């Protein structure tokens, strides 16, 4: 089982930041 608190905490913030950076890179091209 996934530790949902951990996923919604630091893990999710990390994933979101990476996706946001990738999205910004595509938009600026």
C-alpha atoms as a PDB file:
ATOM      1  CA  UNK A   1       0.000   0.000   0.000  1.00  0.00           C
ATOM      2  CA  UNK A   2       1.057   3.542  -0.707  1.00  0.00           C
ATOM      3  CA  UNK A   3       1.555   5.878   2.223  1.00  0.00           C
ATOM      4  CA  UNK A   4      -0.978   8.439   1.068  1.00  0.00           C
ATOM      5  CA  UNK A   5       0.177  11.147   3.462  1.00  0.00           C
ATOM      6  CA  UNK A   6       3.700  10.902   2.098  1.00  0.00           C
ATOM      7  CA  UNK A   7       2.483  10.939  -1.510  1.00  0.00           C
ATOM      8  CA  UNK A   8       0.363  14.030  -0.922  1.00  0.00           C
ATOM      9  CA  UNK A   9       3.213  15.698   0.953  1.00  0.00           C
ATOM     10  CA  UNK A  10       6.772  15.986  -0.327  1.00  0.00           C
ATOM     11  CA  UNK A  11       6.442  13.436  -3.121  1.00  0.00           C
ATOM     12  CA  UNK A  12       3.537  15.175  -4.829  1.00  0.00           C
ATOM     13  CA  UNK A  13       5.152  18.619  -4.498  1.00  0.00           C
ATOM     14  CA  UNK A  14       8.310  17.275  -6.160  1.00  0.00           C
ATOM     15  CA  UNK A  15       6.360  15.744  -9.058  1.00  0.00           C
ATOM     16  CA  UNK A  16       4.317  18.921  -9.470  1.00  0.00           C
ATOM     17  CA  UNK A  17       7.461  21.063  -9.580  1.00  0.00           C
ATOM     18  CA  UNK A  18       9.045  18.849 -12.261  1.00  0.00           C
ATOM     19  CA  UNK A  19       5.863  18.918 -14.372  1.00  0.00           C
ATOM     20  CA  UNK A  20       5.575  22.680 -13.972  1.00  0.00           C
ATOM     21  CA  UNK A  21       9.175  23.183 -15.110  1.00  0.00           C
ATOM     22  CA  UNK A  22       8.652  20.911 -18.128  1.00  0.00           C
ATOM     23  CA  UNK A  23       5.455  22.747 -19.043  1.00  0.00           C
ATOM     24  CA  UNK A  24       7.168  26.129 -18.819  1.00  0.00           C
ATOM     25  CA  UNK A  25       9.966  24.854 -21.055  1.00  0.00           C
ATOM     26  CA  UNK A  26       7.470  23.769 -23.732  1.00  0.00           C
ATOM     27  CA  UNK A  27       5.523  27.034 -23.570  1.00  0.00           C
ATOM     28  CA  UNK A  28       8.635  29.185 -23.969  1.00  0.00           C
ATOM     29  CA  UNK A  29       9.769  27.347 -27.123  1.00  0.00           C
END
